[in-house]
Protein backbone atom coordinates (compact mmCIF):
# COMPACT_ATOMS: atom_id res chain seq x y z
CA MET A 1 14.57 6.52 14.08
CA LYS A 2 12.88 3.96 11.59
CA ALA A 3 9.30 3.66 10.63
CA LEU A 4 8.12 -0.01 9.03
CA ILE A 5 5.10 0.53 7.07
CA ILE A 6 3.04 -2.17 6.09
CA VAL A 7 0.47 -1.60 3.60
CA ASP A 8 -2.88 -3.26 2.68
CA MET A 9 -2.32 -6.53 4.21
CA GLN A 10 -5.86 -7.73 3.54
CA TYR A 11 -7.78 -10.37 2.77
CA ASP A 12 -8.72 -9.50 -0.45
CA PHE A 13 -5.06 -8.87 -1.46
CA LEU A 14 -4.28 -12.39 -0.14
CA PRO A 15 -4.53 -15.68 -1.98
CA GLY A 16 -8.48 -16.66 -2.23
CA GLY A 17 -9.32 -12.49 -2.06
CA ASN A 18 -11.22 -10.50 -4.81
CA LEU A 19 -7.96 -9.07 -6.12
CA ALA A 20 -5.37 -11.23 -4.71
CA VAL A 21 -1.71 -11.03 -5.28
CA ALA A 22 0.14 -14.23 -6.17
CA GLU A 23 1.95 -15.61 -2.84
CA GLY A 24 0.67 -12.43 -0.94
CA ASP A 25 0.88 -14.69 2.00
CA GLN A 26 4.16 -15.63 1.80
CA ILE A 27 5.40 -12.40 2.51
CA ILE A 28 3.57 -12.43 6.11
CA PRO A 29 6.31 -13.81 8.30
CA VAL A 30 8.91 -11.90 7.02
CA ILE A 31 6.98 -8.70 7.94
CA ASN A 32 6.36 -10.09 11.35
CA SER A 33 9.87 -11.25 11.41
CA ILE A 34 11.23 -7.66 11.44
CA GLN A 35 8.47 -5.57 13.06
CA GLN A 36 10.22 -5.49 16.87
CA GLN A 37 13.66 -3.83 15.10
CA TYR A 38 11.55 -0.79 14.02
CA ASP A 39 11.37 2.60 16.30
CA VAL A 40 7.39 2.98 14.89
CA VAL A 41 5.35 0.15 13.36
CA VAL A 42 1.92 1.76 11.03
CA ALA A 43 -0.15 -0.29 8.95
CA THR A 44 -2.46 1.15 5.98
CA GLN A 45 -5.74 -0.15 4.98
CA ASP A 46 -7.95 0.34 1.66
CA TRP A 47 -11.15 1.00 3.10
CA HIS A 48 -13.75 1.62 0.16
CA PRO A 49 -17.44 2.58 0.14
CA LEU A 50 -19.21 -0.17 -1.69
CA HIS A 51 -19.76 2.42 -4.82
CA HIS A 52 -16.24 3.30 -5.21
CA ILE A 53 -14.96 4.69 -8.45
CA SER A 54 -12.16 2.19 -9.30
CA PHE A 55 -14.77 -0.77 -9.06
CA ALA A 56 -15.37 -1.80 -12.94
CA SER A 57 -19.19 -2.82 -11.18
CA GLN A 58 -19.59 0.73 -11.12
CA HIS A 59 -18.97 1.24 -14.79
CA PRO A 60 -21.41 -0.44 -17.49
CA GLY A 61 -19.89 -2.61 -19.73
CA LYS A 62 -16.05 -2.17 -18.23
CA ARG A 63 -14.61 -4.35 -16.35
CA GLY A 64 -11.18 -5.40 -13.67
CA GLY A 65 -8.42 -4.53 -15.81
CA ASP A 66 -9.85 -1.76 -18.34
CA VAL A 67 -8.61 1.74 -17.73
CA ILE A 68 -11.18 5.00 -18.00
CA GLU A 69 -10.67 8.94 -17.64
CA LYS A 70 -11.71 10.77 -14.73
CA ASP A 71 -11.31 14.78 -14.74
CA GLY A 72 -8.74 14.33 -17.21
CA LYS A 73 -6.61 11.32 -14.73
CA GLU A 74 -6.57 7.84 -15.92
CA GLN A 75 -8.36 5.59 -13.58
CA ALA A 76 -7.86 1.60 -13.59
CA LEU A 77 -10.68 -0.24 -12.92
CA TRP A 78 -10.37 -3.16 -10.61
CA PRO A 79 -12.85 -5.96 -9.00
CA ASP A 80 -14.84 -4.92 -5.81
CA HIS A 81 -12.27 -5.06 -3.05
CA CYS A 82 -11.75 -3.81 0.68
CA VAL A 83 -15.60 -2.89 1.16
CA GLN A 84 -15.56 -1.15 4.04
CA GLY A 85 -16.82 -3.59 7.01
CA THR A 86 -16.45 -6.99 4.91
CA ARG A 87 -14.05 -9.74 5.57
CA GLY A 88 -11.85 -9.07 2.64
CA ALA A 89 -11.05 -5.48 4.18
CA ALA A 90 -9.89 -6.69 7.17
CA LEU A 91 -5.93 -6.66 8.22
CA SER A 92 -4.94 -10.68 8.05
CA GLU A 93 -5.46 -12.31 11.73
CA ALA A 94 -1.80 -13.80 10.52
CA LEU A 95 -0.40 -10.71 10.88
CA ASN A 96 1.61 -9.67 14.28
CA ASN A 97 -0.73 -6.82 15.00
CA GLN A 98 0.76 -5.91 18.59
CA PRO A 99 3.13 -3.60 17.19
CA ILE A 100 1.50 -1.48 15.22
CA ALA A 101 0.88 1.81 16.87
CA ALA A 102 -1.53 3.07 14.64
CA VAL A 103 -3.97 2.42 11.43
CA PHE A 104 -4.20 4.99 8.33
CA ARG A 105 -7.35 4.17 6.19
CA LYS A 106 -7.34 5.09 2.65
CA GLY A 107 -9.44 5.33 -0.38
CA MET A 108 -12.72 6.08 1.26
CA ASP A 109 -13.88 9.19 -0.92
CA PRO A 110 -16.00 7.44 -3.43
CA LYS A 111 -15.11 9.76 -6.33
CA ILE A 112 -11.24 9.06 -6.19
CA ASP A 113 -8.97 6.10 -5.76
CA SER A 114 -5.99 6.43 -2.91
CA TYR A 115 -2.82 4.00 -3.86
CA SER A 116 -0.65 5.77 -1.22
CA GLY A 117 -0.88 5.86 2.69
CA PHE A 118 -0.08 9.38 2.46
CA PHE A 119 -2.24 11.07 0.10
CA ASP A 120 -4.89 10.21 -2.60
CA ASN A 121 -4.56 9.86 -6.28
CA GLY A 122 -4.75 13.58 -7.00
CA GLN A 123 -2.34 14.70 -4.10
CA GLU A 124 -6.05 16.35 -2.30
CA LYS A 125 -6.45 15.02 0.93
CA SER A 126 -3.96 13.97 3.48
CA THR A 127 -4.39 10.52 5.15
CA GLY A 128 -2.36 12.45 8.41
CA LEU A 129 0.28 9.31 7.87
CA SER A 130 3.09 12.14 7.45
CA GLY A 131 2.56 14.27 10.26
CA TYR A 132 1.98 11.19 12.38
CA LEU A 133 5.46 10.10 11.32
CA LYS A 134 6.88 13.49 11.79
CA ASN A 135 5.57 13.82 15.25
CA MET A 136 7.25 10.46 16.39
CA ASN A 137 10.72 12.25 15.14
CA ILE A 138 11.37 9.40 12.23
CA ASP A 139 13.78 10.08 9.36
CA GLU A 140 13.61 6.77 7.76
CA VAL A 141 10.88 4.66 6.76
CA HIS A 142 10.85 1.36 4.94
CA VAL A 143 7.90 0.01 2.96
CA CYS A 144 6.31 -3.46 2.65
CA GLY A 145 3.43 -5.23 1.94
CA LEU A 146 1.05 -5.47 -0.99
CA ALA A 147 1.18 -4.72 -4.02
CA ALA A 148 4.97 -3.89 -4.58
CA ASP A 149 3.80 -2.08 -7.97
CA TYR A 150 0.83 -0.16 -6.53
CA CYS A 151 0.04 0.80 -2.96
CA VAL A 152 3.64 0.13 -1.77
CA TYR A 153 5.20 1.83 -4.93
CA PHE A 154 2.83 5.34 -4.46
CA THR A 155 3.31 4.81 -0.54
CA ALA A 156 7.07 4.68 -0.78
CA LEU A 157 7.08 7.45 -3.37
CA ASP A 158 5.13 9.62 -1.53
CA SER A 159 7.39 8.90 1.84
CA LEU A 160 10.25 10.33 -0.44
CA SER A 161 8.36 13.61 -1.33
CA GLU A 162 7.83 14.31 2.40
CA GLY A 163 11.58 13.71 2.90
CA PHE A 164 12.15 10.81 4.74
CA ASN A 165 14.78 8.30 3.41
CA THR A 166 12.71 5.45 1.91
CA VAL A 167 13.70 1.82 1.37
CA ILE A 168 10.91 -0.80 -0.41
CA LEU A 169 11.74 -4.16 1.09
CA GLU A 170 11.50 -6.42 -1.51
CA ASP A 171 11.48 -9.87 -0.10
CA ALA A 172 8.58 -8.35 2.02
CA THR A 173 6.34 -7.36 -1.05
CA ARG A 174 5.05 -9.15 -3.76
CA ALA A 175 4.14 -7.03 -7.24
CA ILE A 176 0.58 -7.54 -9.41
CA ASP A 177 3.19 -7.08 -12.50
CA ALA A 178 6.60 -8.14 -11.72
CA ALA A 179 7.69 -6.60 -14.96
CA GLY A 180 5.85 -3.24 -14.24
CA PHE A 181 7.71 -3.24 -10.46
CA GLU A 182 11.57 -3.43 -12.56
CA ILE A 183 10.52 -0.56 -13.86
CA LYS A 184 9.27 1.63 -10.80
CA LYS A 185 11.85 0.04 -8.73
CA GLU A 186 14.04 2.14 -11.45
CA ILE A 187 12.22 4.94 -11.03
CA PHE A 188 12.02 5.10 -7.22
CA THR A 189 15.65 4.96 -7.26
CA ARG A 190 16.47 7.37 -9.92
CA LEU A 191 14.61 9.63 -7.17
CA GLY A 192 16.44 8.80 -4.43
CA GLY A 193 15.25 5.57 -2.93
CA GLU A 194 16.47 2.68 -2.36
CA VAL A 195 15.55 -1.13 -2.61
CA GLN A 196 17.03 -3.90 -0.68
CA LYS A 197 16.30 -7.46 -1.58
CA THR A 198 17.28 -8.43 1.96
CA SER A 199 15.06 -6.99 4.72
CA PRO A 200 17.53 -5.73 7.28
CA PHE A 201 17.44 -7.32 10.74
CA LYS A 202 16.40 -10.86 8.86
C-alpha cells in the first residue's frame, strides 16, 4: 500500500507569497497528475500562530535568514508566513484536493518550529500522521511539495525513521536552496531513502 504526502502547498510558499519558493507553482500539475495512483493521499499544512518563534518579526533586530539559538537548538528565522486563518496559510486552489483524505497541520505551538509532517523539530509532539498511515496499512510513502530542502526533506526523514519505505519525488518538489538540497539528498539516500527524478505513473 502506497501513500502520497503532499507537503505545504500553500499560497505563502508559492510565487507572490511571503516565503515563496521559486517555481513552486510549476509542480502543482505534476502532483495533480499522480494523486489517483496512490492508495492514500494526505497533505500537510503549516499553521502558525501570529507570534510564532520562527518569525523574524518576533526577534528585535533580526530578519529572515538569520539563525538564533533557542533551548540549545538552532532556529532559522523566516518572514511571517502561513498564519492561521490567512489566505497565505490556505492550500492552493489549483491543487486537486478531492483525493486528499486528511490534512495534518503543523507548527501550531508558538514555542517550537515544525518542518516535518510527522513531528515538531524537537521530536516532542506527533501530528498523528504516522499512526494514521499505519492504520491504513501503508508501507511505502512518496513525498512531494514545498520546500524540498526543508519540510519535504524532514518529512521524508521522519517517514524513514517511522519504518516506511520512503521516496522523494524530485520533479514534484522545489527547493529554497538547490545546492543545499543536493547535500540533503545524499544524506537521505545514505539513510535508506530513495530519490526519483521522474514521478511514477506520470
